Amino acid sequence: MSTTEIKSDDNGYKEVQAKLTKLSKALDDKAVDLEVLLRRMKTNAKKAADTAQTIETADLDPRFVELTVAVSTALGGAAVHIQRLAEDAVAGAAQSRVVQDSHARLYGQLDEIRSGRREKTPKAGFFAE
């Protein structure tokens, strides 16, 4: 069997369902992790902005104010992208659930019939031509 071929057996339906469940959970978990990261980045961006203000008030070298403001700006910009990534993770998890439901609706009963038989039955798509 070549590496491009997919191993197929009578439990293919259950394997796909399990993989879709695992994918949904992984995306949900990553969305939570990204939300935590997002909050931390926003907090750190605010702290950097406050620090820049403190440095400026202390009449230190303006170069340090500029560098600290640049850090704050970079963290704020990165936070925007992290937020988009978190939203994409949530959307991906929702979409994988839709796919899982569609897969169950289309193939669930067939799997139930095939799993209940002792005899081998044709694989899905065998009669389609």
C-alpha atoms as a PDB file:
ATOM      1  CA  MET A   1       0.000   0.000   0.000  1.00  0.00           C
ATOM      2  CA  SER A   2       1.439   3.391  -0.949  1.00  0.00           C
ATOM      3  CA  THR A   3       1.583   6.314   1.457  1.00  0.00           C
ATOM      4  CA  THR A   4      -1.161   8.108  -0.451  1.00  0.00           C
ATOM      5  CA  GLU A   5      -3.642   5.294   0.044  1.00  0.00           C
ATOM      6  CA  ILE A   6      -5.913   5.378   3.084  1.00  0.00           C
ATOM      7  CA  LYS A   7      -6.333   2.189   5.031  1.00  0.00           C
ATOM      8  CA  SER A   8      -9.997   1.311   5.027  1.00  0.00           C
ATOM      9  CA  ASP A   9     -11.827  -1.112   7.271  1.00  0.00           C
ATOM     10  CA  ASP A  10     -15.307  -1.694   8.646  1.00  0.00           C
ATOM     11  CA  ASN A  11     -14.784   0.900  11.393  1.00  0.00           C
ATOM     12  CA  GLY A  12     -14.031   3.795   9.030  1.00  0.00           C
ATOM     13  CA  TYR A  13     -17.195   5.633  10.052  1.00  0.00           C
ATOM     14  CA  LYS A  14     -16.364   5.472  13.745  1.00  0.00           C
ATOM     15  CA  GLU A  15     -12.764   6.521  13.090  1.00  0.00           C
ATOM     16  CA  VAL A  16     -13.887   9.587  11.147  1.00  0.00           C
ATOM     17  CA  GLN A  17     -16.353  10.504  13.889  1.00  0.00           C
ATOM     18  CA  ALA A  18     -13.638  10.135  16.536  1.00  0.00           C
ATOM     19  CA  LYS A  19     -11.188  12.245  14.523  1.00  0.00           C
ATOM     20  CA  LEU A  20     -13.770  14.989  14.023  1.00  0.00           C
ATOM     21  CA  THR A  21     -14.529  14.983  17.748  1.00  0.00           C
ATOM     22  CA  LYS A  22     -10.827  15.193  18.522  1.00  0.00           C
ATOM     23  CA  LEU A  23     -10.391  18.051  16.031  1.00  0.00           C
ATOM     24  CA  SER A  24     -13.288  20.023  17.518  1.00  0.00           C
ATOM     25  CA  LYS A  25     -11.929  19.613  21.027  1.00  0.00           C
ATOM     26  CA  ALA A  26      -8.398  20.575  19.988  1.00  0.00           C
ATOM     27  CA  LEU A  27      -9.675  23.723  18.271  1.00  0.00           C
ATOM     28  CA  ASP A  28     -11.814  24.609  21.300  1.00  0.00           C
ATOM     29  CA  ASP A  29      -8.811  24.136  23.595  1.00  0.00           C
ATOM     30  CA  LYS A  30      -6.604  26.295  21.370  1.00  0.00           C
ATOM     31  CA  ALA A  31      -9.260  29.012  21.238  1.00  0.00           C
ATOM     32  CA  VAL A  32      -9.216  29.143  25.051  1.00  0.00           C
ATOM     33  CA  ASP A  33      -5.402  29.254  25.077  1.00  0.00           C
ATOM     34  CA  LEU A  34      -5.429  32.044  22.512  1.00  0.00           C
ATOM     35  CA  GLU A  35      -7.944  34.050  24.553  1.00  0.00           C
ATOM     36  CA  VAL A  36      -5.626  33.810  27.565  1.00  0.00           C
ATOM     37  CA  LEU A  37      -2.701  34.908  25.405  1.00  0.00           C
ATOM     38  CA  LEU A  38      -4.773  37.763  24.003  1.00  0.00           C
ATOM     39  CA  ARG A  39      -5.617  39.088  27.478  1.00  0.00           C
ATOM     40  CA  ARG A  40      -1.966  38.884  28.513  1.00  0.00           C
ATOM     41  CA  MET A  41      -0.796  40.695  25.391  1.00  0.00           C
ATOM     42  CA  LYS A  42      -3.322  43.486  25.905  1.00  0.00           C
ATOM     43  CA  THR A  43      -2.297  43.791  29.554  1.00  0.00           C
ATOM     44  CA  ASN A  44       1.383  43.919  28.624  1.00  0.00           C
ATOM     45  CA  ALA A  45       0.710  46.481  25.876  1.00  0.00           C
ATOM     46  CA  LYS A  46      -1.052  48.672  28.433  1.00  0.00           C
ATOM     47  CA  LYS A  47       1.804  48.241  30.921  1.00  0.00           C
ATOM     48  CA  ALA A  48       4.332  49.177  28.238  1.00  0.00           C
ATOM     49  CA  ALA A  49       2.319  52.287  27.327  1.00  0.00           C
ATOM     50  CA  ASP A  50       2.120  53.251  31.014  1.00  0.00           C
ATOM     51  CA  THR A  51       5.854  52.656  31.383  1.00  0.00           C
ATOM     52  CA  ALA A  52       6.548  54.872  28.360  1.00  0.00           C
ATOM     53  CA  GLN A  53       4.478  57.616  29.984  1.00  0.00           C
ATOM     54  CA  THR A  54       6.394  57.201  33.249  1.00  0.00           C
ATOM     55  CA  ILE A  55       9.735  57.341  31.435  1.00  0.00           C
ATOM     56  CA  GLU A  56       8.657  60.477  29.603  1.00  0.00           C
ATOM     57  CA  THR A  57       7.451  62.087  32.857  1.00  0.00           C
ATOM     58  CA  ALA A  58      10.786  61.248  34.469  1.00  0.00           C
ATOM     59  CA  ASP A  59      12.442  63.208  31.649  1.00  0.00           C
ATOM     60  CA  LEU A  60      14.653  60.323  30.567  1.00  0.00           C
ATOM     61  CA  ASP A  61      16.179  60.012  27.120  1.00  0.00           C
ATOM     62  CA  PRO A  62      13.367  60.215  24.507  1.00  0.00           C
ATOM     63  CA  ARG A  63      14.870  57.192  22.770  1.00  0.00           C
ATOM     64  CA  PHE A  64      13.666  54.990  25.647  1.00  0.00           C
ATOM     65  CA  VAL A  65      10.189  56.456  25.411  1.00  0.00           C
ATOM     66  CA  GLU A  66      10.112  55.703  21.683  1.00  0.00           C
ATOM     67  CA  LEU A  67      11.342  52.138  22.197  1.00  0.00           C
ATOM     68  CA  THR A  68       8.805  51.461  24.932  1.00  0.00           C
ATOM     69  CA  VAL A  69       5.996  52.905  22.825  1.00  0.00           C
ATOM     70  CA  ALA A  70       7.153  50.673  19.956  1.00  0.00           C
ATOM     71  CA  VAL A  71       6.880  47.632  22.242  1.00  0.00           C
ATOM     72  CA  SER A  72       3.374  48.674  23.269  1.00  0.00           C
ATOM     73  CA  THR A  73       2.355  49.178  19.648  1.00  0.00           C
ATOM     74  CA  ALA A  74       3.838  45.837  18.582  1.00  0.00           C
ATOM     75  CA  LEU A  75       2.009  44.003  21.370  1.00  0.00           C
ATOM     76  CA  GLY A  76      -1.245  45.729  20.439  1.00  0.00           C
ATOM     77  CA  GLY A  77      -0.799  44.789  16.789  1.00  0.00           C
ATOM     78  CA  ALA A  78       0.025  41.199  17.636  1.00  0.00           C
ATOM     79  CA  ALA A  79      -3.045  41.056  19.878  1.00  0.00           C
ATOM     80  CA  VAL A  80      -5.253  41.933  16.902  1.00  0.00           C
ATOM     81  CA  HIS A  81      -3.866  38.949  14.987  1.00  0.00           C
ATOM     82  CA  ILE A  82      -4.184  36.652  17.999  1.00  0.00           C
ATOM     83  CA  GLN A  83      -7.832  37.677  18.317  1.00  0.00           C
ATOM     84  CA  ARG A  84      -8.421  36.797  14.647  1.00  0.00           C
ATOM     85  CA  LEU A  85      -6.701  33.464  15.149  1.00  0.00           C
ATOM     86  CA  ALA A  86      -8.867  32.736  18.199  1.00  0.00           C
ATOM     87  CA  GLU A  87     -11.984  33.586  16.188  1.00  0.00           C
ATOM     88  CA  ASP A  88     -10.814  31.284  13.396  1.00  0.00           C
ATOM     89  CA  ALA A  89     -10.243  28.462  15.898  1.00  0.00           C
ATOM     90  CA  VAL A  90     -13.792  28.874  17.238  1.00  0.00           C
ATOM     91  CA  ALA A  91     -15.186  28.934  13.692  1.00  0.00           C
ATOM     92  CA  GLY A  92     -13.132  25.861  12.748  1.00  0.00           C
ATOM     93  CA  ALA A  93     -14.426  23.952  15.762  1.00  0.00           C
ATOM     94  CA  ALA A  94     -18.007  24.868  14.869  1.00  0.00           C
ATOM     95  CA  GLN A  95     -17.476  23.849  11.256  1.00  0.00           C
ATOM     96  CA  SER A  96     -15.964  20.505  12.247  1.00  0.00           C
ATOM     97  CA  ARG A  97     -19.101  19.833  14.316  1.00  0.00           C
ATOM     98  CA  VAL A  98     -21.241  20.619  11.268  1.00  0.00           C
ATOM     99  CA  VAL A  99     -19.152  18.192   9.211  1.00  0.00           C
ATOM    100  CA  GLN A 100     -19.450  15.567  11.948  1.00  0.00           C
ATOM    101  CA  ASP A 101     -23.236  15.965  12.077  1.00  0.00           C
ATOM    102  CA  SER A 102     -23.484  15.743   8.277  1.00  0.00           C
ATOM    103  CA  HIS A 103     -21.251  12.675   8.249  1.00  0.00           C
ATOM    104  CA  ALA A 104     -23.406  11.032  10.927  1.00  0.00           C
ATOM    105  CA  ARG A 105     -26.594  11.874   9.047  1.00  0.00           C
ATOM    106  CA  LEU A 106     -25.247  10.502   5.758  1.00  0.00           C
ATOM    107  CA  TYR A 107     -23.400   7.406   6.971  1.00  0.00           C
ATOM    108  CA  GLY A 108     -24.576   6.648  10.509  1.00  0.00           C
ATOM    109  CA  GLN A 109     -27.392   4.303   9.557  1.00  0.00           C
ATOM    110  CA  LEU A 110     -25.222   2.535   6.990  1.00  0.00           C
ATOM    111  CA  ASP A 111     -22.572   1.968   9.642  1.00  0.00           C
ATOM    112  CA  GLU A 112     -25.211   0.658  12.030  1.00  0.00           C
ATOM    113  CA  ILE A 113     -26.394  -1.860   9.432  1.00  0.00           C
ATOM    114  CA  ARG A 114     -22.880  -2.889   8.418  1.00  0.00           C
ATOM    115  CA  SER A 115     -21.696  -3.213  12.005  1.00  0.00           C
ATOM    116  CA  GLY A 116     -24.643  -5.430  12.900  1.00  0.00           C
ATOM    117  CA  ARG A 117     -23.893  -8.009  10.198  1.00  0.00           C
ATOM    118  CA  ARG A 118     -21.488 -10.868  10.457  1.00  0.00           C
ATOM    119  CA  GLU A 119     -21.079 -10.995   6.690  1.00  0.00           C
ATOM    120  CA  LYS A 120     -18.903  -8.530   4.854  1.00  0.00           C
ATOM    121  CA  THR A 121     -20.811  -5.846   2.995  1.00  0.00           C
ATOM    122  CA  PRO A 122     -19.717  -3.576   0.147  1.00  0.00           C
ATOM    123  CA  LYS A 123     -17.882  -0.449   1.136  1.00  0.00           C
ATOM    124  CA  ALA A 124     -19.619   2.903   0.847  1.00  0.00           C
ATOM    125  CA  GLY A 125     -19.641   4.050  -2.756  1.00  0.00           C
ATOM    126  CA  PHE A 126     -19.284   0.537  -4.187  1.00  0.00           C
ATOM    127  CA  PHE A 127     -22.542   0.766  -6.148  1.00  0.00           C
ATOM    128  CA  ALA A 128     -22.088   4.408  -7.205  1.00  0.00           C
ATOM    129  CA  GLU A 129     -20.972   4.651 -10.838  1.00  0.00           C
END
